[in-house]
Amino acid sequence: MEGRKLKRTRLTKKKSPPLWGKVVAIEWKGDDSLAQSLNLDSNLEDRLLRANGTVFKGNIGIFPEPKHGYVRIRTDYVLPSTEMFEAIGDIARHVKSW
């Protein structure tokens, strides 16, 4: 985080049908280079789509805290599944390598 300032990045979901359908794809939006890195990670995408079986609920956001020198990865999950914990670990690795 010393070089460039990281911008907020969030996960967006694409459903089929759009309103109440099953999540069929995900995309990261926000910081260009971090979002591109996350979008190119097919293992992360597969893990997130499998995380809660057929229904993928919730959201994930990456929030930089430059004043305090850390990055928060926030989720809507109170008690995430094992798959979701592994996905959050992958996201953290992307943030660290950025």
PDB file of N, CA and C in Angstrom:
ATOM      1  N   MET A   1       0.807  -1.196   0.000  1.00  0.00           N
ATOM      2  CA  MET A   1       0.000   0.000   0.000  1.00  0.00           C
ATOM      3  C   MET A   1       0.852   1.262   0.000  1.00  0.00           C
ATOM      4  N   GLU A   2       2.177   1.128  -0.043  1.00  0.00           N
ATOM      5  CA  GLU A   2       3.023   2.312   0.018  1.00  0.00           C
ATOM      6  C   GLU A   2       3.045   3.083  -1.299  1.00  0.00           C
ATOM      7  N   GLY A   3       3.099   2.379  -2.449  1.00  0.00           N
ATOM      8  CA  GLY A   3       3.227   3.028  -3.751  1.00  0.00           C
ATOM      9  C   GLY A   3       1.983   3.811  -4.137  1.00  0.00           C
ATOM     10  N   ARG A   4       0.992   3.118  -4.608  1.00  0.00           N
ATOM     11  CA  ARG A   4      -0.274   3.729  -4.994  1.00  0.00           C
ATOM     12  C   ARG A   4      -1.274   3.554  -3.879  1.00  0.00           C
ATOM     13  N   LYS A   5      -2.271   4.401  -3.889  1.00  0.00           N
ATOM     14  CA  LYS A   5      -3.339   4.245  -2.909  1.00  0.00           C
ATOM     15  C   LYS A   5      -4.387   3.302  -3.471  1.00  0.00           C
ATOM     16  N   LEU A   6      -4.720   2.316  -2.691  1.00  0.00           N
ATOM     17  CA  LEU A   6      -5.729   1.345  -3.066  1.00  0.00           C
ATOM     18  C   LEU A   6      -7.107   1.980  -2.943  1.00  0.00           C
ATOM     19  N   LYS A   7      -7.978   1.718  -3.919  1.00  0.00           N
ATOM     20  CA  LYS A   7      -9.348   2.225  -3.881  1.00  0.00           C
ATOM     21  C   LYS A   7     -10.277   1.111  -3.426  1.00  0.00           C
ATOM     22  N   ARG A   8     -11.463   1.500  -2.971  1.00  0.00           N
ATOM     23  CA  ARG A   8     -12.459   0.505  -2.593  1.00  0.00           C
ATOM     24  C   ARG A   8     -12.762  -0.394  -3.780  1.00  0.00           C
ATOM     25  N   THR A   9     -12.915  -1.651  -3.488  1.00  0.00           N
ATOM     26  CA  THR A   9     -13.219  -2.639  -4.515  1.00  0.00           C
ATOM     27  C   THR A   9     -14.340  -3.514  -3.982  1.00  0.00           C
ATOM     28  N   ARG A  10     -15.306  -3.829  -4.846  1.00  0.00           N
ATOM     29  CA  ARG A  10     -16.430  -4.635  -4.375  1.00  0.00           C
ATOM     30  C   ARG A  10     -16.783  -5.709  -5.389  1.00  0.00           C
ATOM     31  N   LEU A  11     -17.468  -6.707  -4.896  1.00  0.00           N
ATOM     32  CA  LEU A  11     -17.903  -7.828  -5.710  1.00  0.00           C
ATOM     33  C   LEU A  11     -19.297  -7.541  -6.254  1.00  0.00           C
ATOM     34  N   THR A  12     -19.492  -7.724  -7.550  1.00  0.00           N
ATOM     35  CA  THR A  12     -20.830  -7.626  -8.134  1.00  0.00           C
ATOM     36  C   THR A  12     -21.194  -8.995  -8.689  1.00  0.00           C
ATOM     37  N   LYS A  13     -22.486  -9.306  -8.621  1.00  0.00           N
ATOM     38  CA  LYS A  13     -22.962 -10.617  -9.054  1.00  0.00           C
ATOM     39  C   LYS A  13     -23.875 -10.473 -10.259  1.00  0.00           C
ATOM     40  N   LYS A  14     -23.791 -11.442 -11.165  1.00  0.00           N
ATOM     41  CA  LYS A  14     -24.697 -11.504 -12.313  1.00  0.00           C
ATOM     42  C   LYS A  14     -25.586 -12.722 -12.119  1.00  0.00           C
ATOM     43  N   LYS A  15     -26.905 -12.486 -12.199  1.00  0.00           N
ATOM     44  CA  LYS A  15     -27.861 -13.560 -11.960  1.00  0.00           C
ATOM     45  C   LYS A  15     -28.617 -13.915 -13.231  1.00  0.00           C
ATOM     46  N   SER A  16     -29.155 -15.117 -13.233  1.00  0.00           N
ATOM     47  CA  SER A  16     -30.002 -15.549 -14.331  1.00  0.00           C
ATOM     48  C   SER A  16     -31.212 -16.250 -13.735  1.00  0.00           C
ATOM     49  N   PRO A  17     -32.411 -15.739 -13.865  1.00  0.00           N
ATOM     50  CA  PRO A  17     -32.855 -14.425 -14.334  1.00  0.00           C
ATOM     51  C   PRO A  17     -32.382 -13.319 -13.398  1.00  0.00           C
ATOM     52  N   PRO A  18     -32.331 -12.091 -13.903  1.00  0.00           N
ATOM     53  CA  PRO A  18     -31.682 -10.987 -13.198  1.00  0.00           C
ATOM     54  C   PRO A  18     -32.165 -10.692 -11.773  1.00  0.00           C
ATOM     55  N   LEU A  19     -33.445 -10.784 -11.498  1.00  0.00           N
ATOM     56  CA  LEU A  19     -33.922 -10.348 -10.187  1.00  0.00           C
ATOM     57  C   LEU A  19     -33.776 -11.413  -9.101  1.00  0.00           C
ATOM     58  N   TRP A  20     -34.338 -12.574  -9.305  1.00  0.00           N
ATOM     59  CA  TRP A  20     -34.348 -13.594  -8.255  1.00  0.00           C
ATOM     60  C   TRP A  20     -33.555 -14.834  -8.618  1.00  0.00           C
ATOM     61  N   GLY A  21     -32.832 -14.791  -9.690  1.00  0.00           N
ATOM     62  CA  GLY A  21     -32.173 -15.988 -10.196  1.00  0.00           C
ATOM     63  C   GLY A  21     -30.924 -16.412  -9.448  1.00  0.00           C
ATOM     64  N   LYS A  22     -30.355 -17.487  -9.945  1.00  0.00           N
ATOM     65  CA  LYS A  22     -29.119 -18.052  -9.407  1.00  0.00           C
ATOM     66  C   LYS A  22     -27.936 -17.212  -9.891  1.00  0.00           C
ATOM     67  N   VAL A  23     -26.934 -17.039  -9.038  1.00  0.00           N
ATOM     68  CA  VAL A  23     -25.729 -16.304  -9.420  1.00  0.00           C
ATOM     69  C   VAL A  23     -24.944 -17.169 -10.400  1.00  0.00           C
ATOM     70  N   VAL A  24     -24.687 -16.617 -11.588  1.00  0.00           N
ATOM     71  CA  VAL A  24     -23.979 -17.375 -12.618  1.00  0.00           C
ATOM     72  C   VAL A  24     -22.581 -16.829 -12.881  1.00  0.00           C
ATOM     73  N   ALA A  25     -22.316 -15.597 -12.458  1.00  0.00           N
ATOM     74  CA  ALA A  25     -20.992 -15.002 -12.674  1.00  0.00           C
ATOM     75  C   ALA A  25     -20.768 -13.899 -11.651  1.00  0.00           C
ATOM     76  N   ILE A  26     -19.501 -13.633 -11.383  1.00  0.00           N
ATOM     77  CA  ILE A  26     -19.151 -12.534 -10.484  1.00  0.00           C
ATOM     78  C   ILE A  26     -18.137 -11.644 -11.182  1.00  0.00           C
ATOM     79  N   GLU A  27     -18.077 -10.397 -10.728  1.00  0.00           N
ATOM     80  CA  GLU A  27     -17.102  -9.455 -11.275  1.00  0.00           C
ATOM     81  C   GLU A  27     -16.702  -8.491 -10.167  1.00  0.00           C
ATOM     82  N   TRP A  28     -15.423  -8.155 -10.117  1.00  0.00           N
ATOM     83  CA  TRP A  28     -14.908  -7.200  -9.149  1.00  0.00           C
ATOM     84  C   TRP A  28     -14.840  -5.835  -9.799  1.00  0.00           C
ATOM     85  N   LYS A  29     -15.272  -4.808  -9.076  1.00  0.00           N
ATOM     86  CA  LYS A  29     -15.230  -3.436  -9.583  1.00  0.00           C
ATOM     87  C   LYS A  29     -14.610  -2.541  -8.525  1.00  0.00           C
ATOM     88  N   GLY A  30     -13.906  -1.521  -8.976  1.00  0.00           N
ATOM     89  CA  GLY A  30     -13.261  -0.578  -8.065  1.00  0.00           C
ATOM     90  C   GLY A  30     -11.871  -0.261  -8.561  1.00  0.00           C
ATOM     91  N   ASP A  31     -10.868  -0.541  -7.741  1.00  0.00           N
ATOM     92  CA  ASP A  31      -9.477  -0.306  -8.109  1.00  0.00           C
ATOM     93  C   ASP A  31      -9.143  -1.133  -9.351  1.00  0.00           C
ATOM     94  N   ASP A  32      -8.685  -0.468 -10.411  1.00  0.00           N
ATOM     95  CA  ASP A  32      -8.504  -1.136 -11.703  1.00  0.00           C
ATOM     96  C   ASP A  32      -7.564  -2.336 -11.645  1.00  0.00           C
ATOM     97  N   SER A  33      -6.367  -2.160 -11.105  1.00  0.00           N
ATOM     98  CA  SER A  33      -5.395  -3.260 -11.136  1.00  0.00           C
ATOM     99  C   SER A  33      -5.784  -4.390 -10.185  1.00  0.00           C
ATOM    100  N   LEU A  34      -6.298  -4.067  -9.003  1.00  0.00           N
ATOM    101  CA  LEU A  34      -6.721  -5.110  -8.070  1.00  0.00           C
ATOM    102  C   LEU A  34      -7.941  -5.844  -8.618  1.00  0.00           C
ATOM    103  N   ALA A  35      -8.909  -5.110  -9.157  1.00  0.00           N
ATOM    104  CA  ALA A  35     -10.104  -5.741  -9.727  1.00  0.00           C
ATOM    105  C   ALA A  35      -9.725  -6.658 -10.886  1.00  0.00           C
ATOM    106  N   GLN A  36      -8.793  -6.220 -11.715  1.00  0.00           N
ATOM    107  CA  GLN A  36      -8.357  -7.051 -12.842  1.00  0.00           C
ATOM    108  C   GLN A  36      -7.700  -8.332 -12.338  1.00  0.00           C
ATOM    109  N   SER A  37      -6.855  -8.209 -11.329  1.00  0.00           N
ATOM    110  CA  SER A  37      -6.191  -9.375 -10.757  1.00  0.00           C
ATOM    111  C   SER A  37      -7.211 -10.356 -10.175  1.00  0.00           C
ATOM    112  N   LEU A  38      -8.202  -9.836  -9.450  1.00  0.00           N
ATOM    113  CA  LEU A  38      -9.231 -10.691  -8.860  1.00  0.00           C
ATOM    114  C   LEU A  38     -10.110 -11.320  -9.942  1.00  0.00           C
ATOM    115  N   ASN A  39     -10.440 -10.548 -10.978  1.00  0.00           N
ATOM    116  CA  ASN A  39     -11.280 -11.073 -12.061  1.00  0.00           C
ATOM    117  C   ASN A  39     -10.580 -12.169 -12.855  1.00  0.00           C
ATOM    118  N   LEU A  40      -9.260 -12.123 -12.953  1.00  0.00           N
ATOM    119  CA  LEU A  40      -8.513 -13.128 -13.712  1.00  0.00           C
ATOM    120  C   LEU A  40      -8.278 -14.422 -12.931  1.00  0.00           C
ATOM    121  N   ASP A  41      -8.550 -14.410 -11.640  1.00  0.00           N
ATOM    122  CA  ASP A  41      -8.346 -15.589 -10.803  1.00  0.00           C
ATOM    123  C   ASP A  41      -9.565 -16.509 -10.911  1.00  0.00           C
ATOM    124  N   SER A  42      -9.489 -17.483 -11.798  1.00  0.00           N
ATOM    125  CA  SER A  42     -10.637 -18.376 -12.021  1.00  0.00           C
ATOM    126  C   SER A  42     -10.889 -19.288 -10.823  1.00  0.00           C
ATOM    127  N   ASN A  43      -9.848 -19.642 -10.076  1.00  0.00           N
ATOM    128  CA  ASN A  43     -10.040 -20.467  -8.878  1.00  0.00           C
ATOM    129  C   ASN A  43     -10.852 -19.723  -7.829  1.00  0.00           C
ATOM    130  N   LEU A  44     -10.585 -18.434  -7.671  1.00  0.00           N
ATOM    131  CA  LEU A  44     -11.342 -17.625  -6.721  1.00  0.00           C
ATOM    132  C   LEU A  44     -12.806 -17.546  -7.149  1.00  0.00           C
ATOM    133  N   GLU A  45     -13.036 -17.309  -8.429  1.00  0.00           N
ATOM    134  CA  GLU A  45     -14.418 -17.232  -8.927  1.00  0.00           C
ATOM    135  C   GLU A  45     -15.156 -18.550  -8.687  1.00  0.00           C
ATOM    136  N   ASP A  46     -14.514 -19.668  -9.014  1.00  0.00           N
ATOM    137  CA  ASP A  46     -15.143 -20.972  -8.791  1.00  0.00           C
ATOM    138  C   ASP A  46     -15.447 -21.191  -7.314  1.00  0.00           C
ATOM    139  N   ARG A  47     -14.509 -20.830  -6.455  1.00  0.00           N
ATOM    140  CA  ARG A  47     -14.697 -21.022  -5.021  1.00  0.00           C
ATOM    141  C   ARG A  47     -15.862 -20.175  -4.507  1.00  0.00           C
ATOM    142  N   LEU A  48     -15.963 -18.935  -4.968  1.00  0.00           N
ATOM    143  CA  LEU A  48     -17.063 -18.075  -4.523  1.00  0.00           C
ATOM    144  C   LEU A  48     -18.409 -18.570  -5.041  1.00  0.00           C
ATOM    145  N   LEU A  49     -18.452 -19.050  -6.250  1.00  0.00           N
ATOM    146  CA  LEU A  49     -19.712 -19.551  -6.800  1.00  0.00           C
ATOM    147  C   LEU A  49     -20.142 -20.852  -6.122  1.00  0.00           C
ATOM    148  N   ARG A  50     -19.198 -21.638  -5.632  1.00  0.00           N
ATOM    149  CA  ARG A  50     -19.516 -22.881  -4.923  1.00  0.00           C
ATOM    150  C   ARG A  50     -19.714 -22.664  -3.435  1.00  0.00           C
ATOM    151  N   ALA A  51     -19.380 -21.494  -2.920  1.00  0.00           N
ATOM    152  CA  ALA A  51     -19.292 -21.251  -1.481  1.00  0.00           C
ATOM    153  C   ALA A  51     -20.538 -21.670  -0.717  1.00  0.00           C
ATOM    154  N   ASN A  52     -21.675 -21.348  -1.218  1.00  0.00           N
ATOM    155  CA  ASN A  52     -22.908 -21.670  -0.496  1.00  0.00           C
ATOM    156  C   ASN A  52     -23.820 -22.549  -1.335  1.00  0.00           C
ATOM    157  N   GLY A  53     -23.251 -23.506  -1.994  1.00  0.00           N
ATOM    158  CA  GLY A  53     -24.053 -24.408  -2.807  1.00  0.00           C
ATOM    159  C   GLY A  53     -24.649 -23.690  -3.999  1.00  0.00           C
ATOM    160  N   THR A  54     -25.932 -23.837  -4.188  1.00  0.00           N
ATOM    161  CA  THR A  54     -26.574 -23.243  -5.359  1.00  0.00           C
ATOM    162  C   THR A  54     -26.957 -21.795  -5.134  1.00  0.00           C
ATOM    163  N   VAL A  55     -26.989 -21.346  -3.887  1.00  0.00           N
ATOM    164  CA  VAL A  55     -27.422 -19.977  -3.604  1.00  0.00           C
ATOM    165  C   VAL A  55     -26.247 -19.186  -3.048  1.00  0.00           C
ATOM    166  N   PHE A  56     -25.816 -18.163  -3.771  1.00  0.00           N
ATOM    167  CA  PHE A  56     -24.720 -17.303  -3.321  1.00  0.00           C
ATOM    168  C   PHE A  56     -25.330 -16.002  -2.838  1.00  0.00           C
ATOM    169  N   LYS A  57     -25.371 -15.834  -1.532  1.00  0.00           N
ATOM    170  CA  LYS A  57     -25.941 -14.620  -0.952  1.00  0.00           C
ATOM    171  C   LYS A  57     -24.821 -13.813  -0.325  1.00  0.00           C
ATOM    172  N   GLY A  58     -25.115 -12.576  -0.030  1.00  0.00           N
ATOM    173  CA  GLY A  58     -24.137 -11.737   0.637  1.00  0.00           C
ATOM    174  C   GLY A  58     -23.276 -10.973  -0.336  1.00  0.00           C
ATOM    175  N   ASN A  59     -22.293 -10.297   0.211  1.00  0.00           N
ATOM    176  CA  ASN A  59     -21.429  -9.449  -0.587  1.00  0.00           C
ATOM    177  C   ASN A  59     -20.050  -9.418   0.059  1.00  0.00           C
ATOM    178  N   ILE A  60     -19.056  -9.051  -0.727  1.00  0.00           N
ATOM    179  CA  ILE A  60     -17.692  -8.908  -0.221  1.00  0.00           C
ATOM    180  C   ILE A  60     -17.164  -7.567  -0.698  1.00  0.00           C
ATOM    181  N   GLY A  61     -16.564  -6.817   0.207  1.00  0.00           N
ATOM    182  CA  GLY A  61     -15.972  -5.535  -0.151  1.00  0.00           C
ATOM    183  C   GLY A  61     -14.574  -5.409   0.419  1.00  0.00           C
ATOM    184  N   ILE A  62     -13.709  -4.712  -0.302  1.00  0.00           N
ATOM    185  CA  ILE A  62     -12.336  -4.463   0.140  1.00  0.00           C
ATOM    186  C   ILE A  62     -12.225  -2.975   0.411  1.00  0.00           C
ATOM    187  N   PHE A  63     -11.961  -2.623   1.664  1.00  0.00           N
ATOM    188  CA  PHE A  63     -11.934  -1.228   2.080  1.00  0.00           C
ATOM    189  C   PHE A  63     -10.555  -0.860   2.622  1.00  0.00           C
ATOM    190  N   PRO A  64      -9.802  -0.032   1.913  1.00  0.00           N
ATOM    191  CA  PRO A  64      -8.491   0.394   2.415  1.00  0.00           C
ATOM    192  C   PRO A  64      -8.643   1.397   3.555  1.00  0.00           C
ATOM    193  N   GLU A  65      -7.771   1.309   4.516  1.00  0.00           N
ATOM    194  CA  GLU A  65      -7.727   2.252   5.641  1.00  0.00           C
ATOM    195  C   GLU A  65      -6.330   2.870   5.666  1.00  0.00           C
ATOM    196  N   PRO A  66      -6.038   3.822   4.760  1.00  0.00           N
ATOM    197  CA  PRO A  66      -4.675   4.367   4.656  1.00  0.00           C
ATOM    198  C   PRO A  66      -4.215   5.087   5.919  1.00  0.00           C
ATOM    199  N   LYS A  67      -5.133   5.676   6.651  1.00  0.00           N
ATOM    200  CA  LYS A  67      -4.769   6.382   7.880  1.00  0.00           C
ATOM    201  C   LYS A  67      -4.157   5.424   8.904  1.00  0.00           C
ATOM    202  N   HIS A  68      -4.682   4.198   8.931  1.00  0.00           N
ATOM    203  CA  HIS A  68      -4.211   3.211   9.898  1.00  0.00           C
ATOM    204  C   HIS A  68      -3.285   2.166   9.273  1.00  0.00           C
ATOM    205  N   GLY A  69      -3.163   2.165   7.930  1.00  0.00           N
ATOM    206  CA  GLY A  69      -2.226   1.278   7.256  1.00  0.00           C
ATOM    207  C   GLY A  69      -2.675  -0.165   7.095  1.00  0.00           C
ATOM    208  N   TYR A  70      -3.964  -0.404   6.978  1.00  0.00           N
ATOM    209  CA  TYR A  70      -4.437  -1.763   6.744  1.00  0.00           C
ATOM    210  C   TYR A  70      -5.614  -1.752   5.781  1.00  0.00           C
ATOM    211  N   VAL A  71      -6.038  -2.939   5.379  1.00  0.00           N
ATOM    212  CA  VAL A  71      -7.164  -3.108   4.461  1.00  0.00           C
ATOM    213  C   VAL A  71      -8.171  -4.044   5.118  1.00  0.00           C
ATOM    214  N   ARG A  72      -9.452  -3.652   5.099  1.00  0.00           N
ATOM    215  CA  ARG A  72     -10.520  -4.500   5.636  1.00  0.00           C
ATOM    216  C   ARG A  72     -11.184  -5.255   4.496  1.00  0.00           C
ATOM    217  N   ILE A  73     -11.415  -6.525   4.704  1.00  0.00           N
ATOM    218  CA  ILE A  73     -12.219  -7.319   3.784  1.00  0.00           C
ATOM    219  C   ILE A  73     -13.509  -7.620   4.531  1.00  0.00           C
ATOM    220  N   ARG A  74     -14.591  -6.974   4.085  1.00  0.00           N
ATOM    221  CA  ARG A  74     -15.874  -7.098   4.787  1.00  0.00           C
ATOM    222  C   ARG A  74     -16.807  -8.026   4.035  1.00  0.00           C
ATOM    223  N   THR A  75     -17.561  -8.791   4.794  1.00  0.00           N
ATOM    224  CA  THR A  75     -18.566  -9.681   4.212  1.00  0.00           C
ATOM    225  C   THR A  75     -19.882  -9.491   4.947  1.00  0.00           C
ATOM    226  N   ASP A  76     -20.953  -9.969   4.328  1.00  0.00           N
ATOM    227  CA  ASP A  76     -22.267  -9.958   4.966  1.00  0.00           C
ATOM    228  C   ASP A  76     -22.483 -11.209   5.805  1.00  0.00           C
ATOM    229  N   TYR A  77     -21.538 -12.120   5.778  1.00  0.00           N
ATOM    230  CA  TYR A  77     -21.710 -13.403   6.440  1.00  0.00           C
ATOM    231  C   TYR A  77     -21.361 -13.297   7.916  1.00  0.00           C
ATOM    232  N   VAL A  78     -22.254 -13.797   8.771  1.00  0.00           N
ATOM    233  CA  VAL A  78     -21.980 -13.835  10.199  1.00  0.00           C
ATOM    234  C   VAL A  78     -21.052 -15.011  10.493  1.00  0.00           C
ATOM    235  N   LEU A  79     -21.351 -16.136   9.929  1.00  0.00           N
ATOM    236  CA  LEU A  79     -20.544 -17.333  10.118  1.00  0.00           C
ATOM    237  C   LEU A  79     -20.284 -17.962   8.749  1.00  0.00           C
ATOM    238  N   PRO A  80     -19.224 -17.520   8.053  1.00  0.00           N
ATOM    239  CA  PRO A  80     -18.963 -18.013   6.696  1.00  0.00           C
ATOM    240  C   PRO A  80     -18.620 -19.500   6.670  1.00  0.00           C
ATOM    241  N   SER A  81     -18.911 -20.119   5.545  1.00  0.00           N
ATOM    242  CA  SER A  81     -18.566 -21.528   5.349  1.00  0.00           C
ATOM    243  C   SER A  81     -17.052 -21.663   5.154  1.00  0.00           C
ATOM    244  N   THR A  82     -16.578 -22.900   5.154  1.00  0.00           N
ATOM    245  CA  THR A  82     -15.160 -23.162   4.928  1.00  0.00           C
ATOM    246  C   THR A  82     -14.728 -22.642   3.566  1.00  0.00           C
ATOM    247  N   GLU A  83     -15.563 -22.864   2.551  1.00  0.00           N
ATOM    248  CA  GLU A  83     -15.261 -22.368   1.200  1.00  0.00           C
ATOM    249  C   GLU A  83     -15.124 -20.851   1.199  1.00  0.00           C
ATOM    250  N   MET A  84     -15.997 -20.171   1.927  1.00  0.00           N
ATOM    251  CA  MET A  84     -15.955 -18.708   1.958  1.00  0.00           C
ATOM    252  C   MET A  84     -14.695 -18.224   2.681  1.00  0.00           C
ATOM    253  N   PHE A  85     -14.295 -18.896   3.772  1.00  0.00           N
ATOM    254  CA  PHE A  85     -13.050 -18.529   4.451  1.00  0.00           C
ATOM    255  C   PHE A  85     -11.854 -18.685   3.512  1.00  0.00           C
ATOM    256  N   GLU A  86     -11.834 -19.758   2.734  1.00  0.00           N
ATOM    257  CA  GLU A  86     -10.739 -19.965   1.785  1.00  0.00           C
ATOM    258  C   GLU A  86     -10.737 -18.879   0.714  1.00  0.00           C
ATOM    259  N   ALA A  87     -11.926 -18.488   0.251  1.00  0.00           N
ATOM    260  CA  ALA A  87     -12.026 -17.417  -0.751  1.00  0.00           C
ATOM    261  C   ALA A  87     -11.529 -16.095  -0.175  1.00  0.00           C
ATOM    262  N   ILE A  88     -11.875 -15.803   1.069  1.00  0.00           N
ATOM    263  CA  ILE A  88     -11.413 -14.572   1.718  1.00  0.00           C
ATOM    264  C   ILE A  88      -9.892 -14.606   1.868  1.00  0.00           C
ATOM    265  N   GLY A  89      -9.332 -15.774   2.159  1.00  0.00           N
ATOM    266  CA  GLY A  89      -7.876 -15.921   2.217  1.00  0.00           C
ATOM    267  C   GLY A  89      -7.220 -15.636   0.872  1.00  0.00           C
ATOM    268  N   ASP A  90      -7.849 -16.115  -0.206  1.00  0.00           N
ATOM    269  CA  ASP A  90      -7.332 -15.825  -1.554  1.00  0.00           C
ATOM    270  C   ASP A  90      -7.380 -14.330  -1.845  1.00  0.00           C
ATOM    271  N   ILE A  91      -8.464 -13.682  -1.453  1.00  0.00           N
ATOM    272  CA  ILE A  91      -8.595 -12.234  -1.661  1.00  0.00           C
ATOM    273  C   ILE A  91      -7.496 -11.504  -0.894  1.00  0.00           C
ATOM    274  N   ALA A  92      -7.243 -11.929   0.342  1.00  0.00           N
ATOM    275  CA  ALA A  92      -6.189 -11.308   1.152  1.00  0.00           C
ATOM    276  C   ALA A  92      -4.822 -11.469   0.487  1.00  0.00           C
ATOM    277  N   ARG A  93      -4.557 -12.632  -0.114  1.00  0.00           N
ATOM    278  CA  ARG A  93      -3.289 -12.834  -0.825  1.00  0.00           C
ATOM    279  C   ARG A  93      -3.161 -11.879  -2.004  1.00  0.00           C
ATOM    280  N   HIS A  94      -4.259 -11.642  -2.712  1.00  0.00           N
ATOM    281  CA  HIS A  94      -4.231 -10.686  -3.827  1.00  0.00           C
ATOM    282  C   HIS A  94      -3.922  -9.277  -3.318  1.00  0.00           C
ATOM    283  N   VAL A  95      -4.555  -8.892  -2.214  1.00  0.00           N
ATOM    284  CA  VAL A  95      -4.332  -7.553  -1.657  1.00  0.00           C
ATOM    285  C   VAL A  95      -2.883  -7.409  -1.209  1.00  0.00           C
ATOM    286  N   LYS A  96      -2.326  -8.431  -0.547  1.00  0.00           N
ATOM    287  CA  LYS A  96      -0.934  -8.371  -0.087  1.00  0.00           C
ATOM    288  C   LYS A  96       0.043  -8.266  -1.247  1.00  0.00           C
ATOM    289  N   SER A  97      -0.221  -9.001  -2.323  1.00  0.00           N
ATOM    290  CA  SER A  97       0.706  -8.989  -3.457  1.00  0.00           C
ATOM    291  C   SER A  97       0.575  -7.720  -4.281  1.00  0.00           C
ATOM    292  N   TRP A  98      -0.491  -7.009  -4.106  1.00  0.00           N
ATOM    293  CA  TRP A  98      -0.721  -5.784  -4.860  1.00  0.00           C
ATOM    294  C   TRP A  98       0.167  -4.727  -4.322  1.00  0.00           C
TER     295      TRP A  98
END
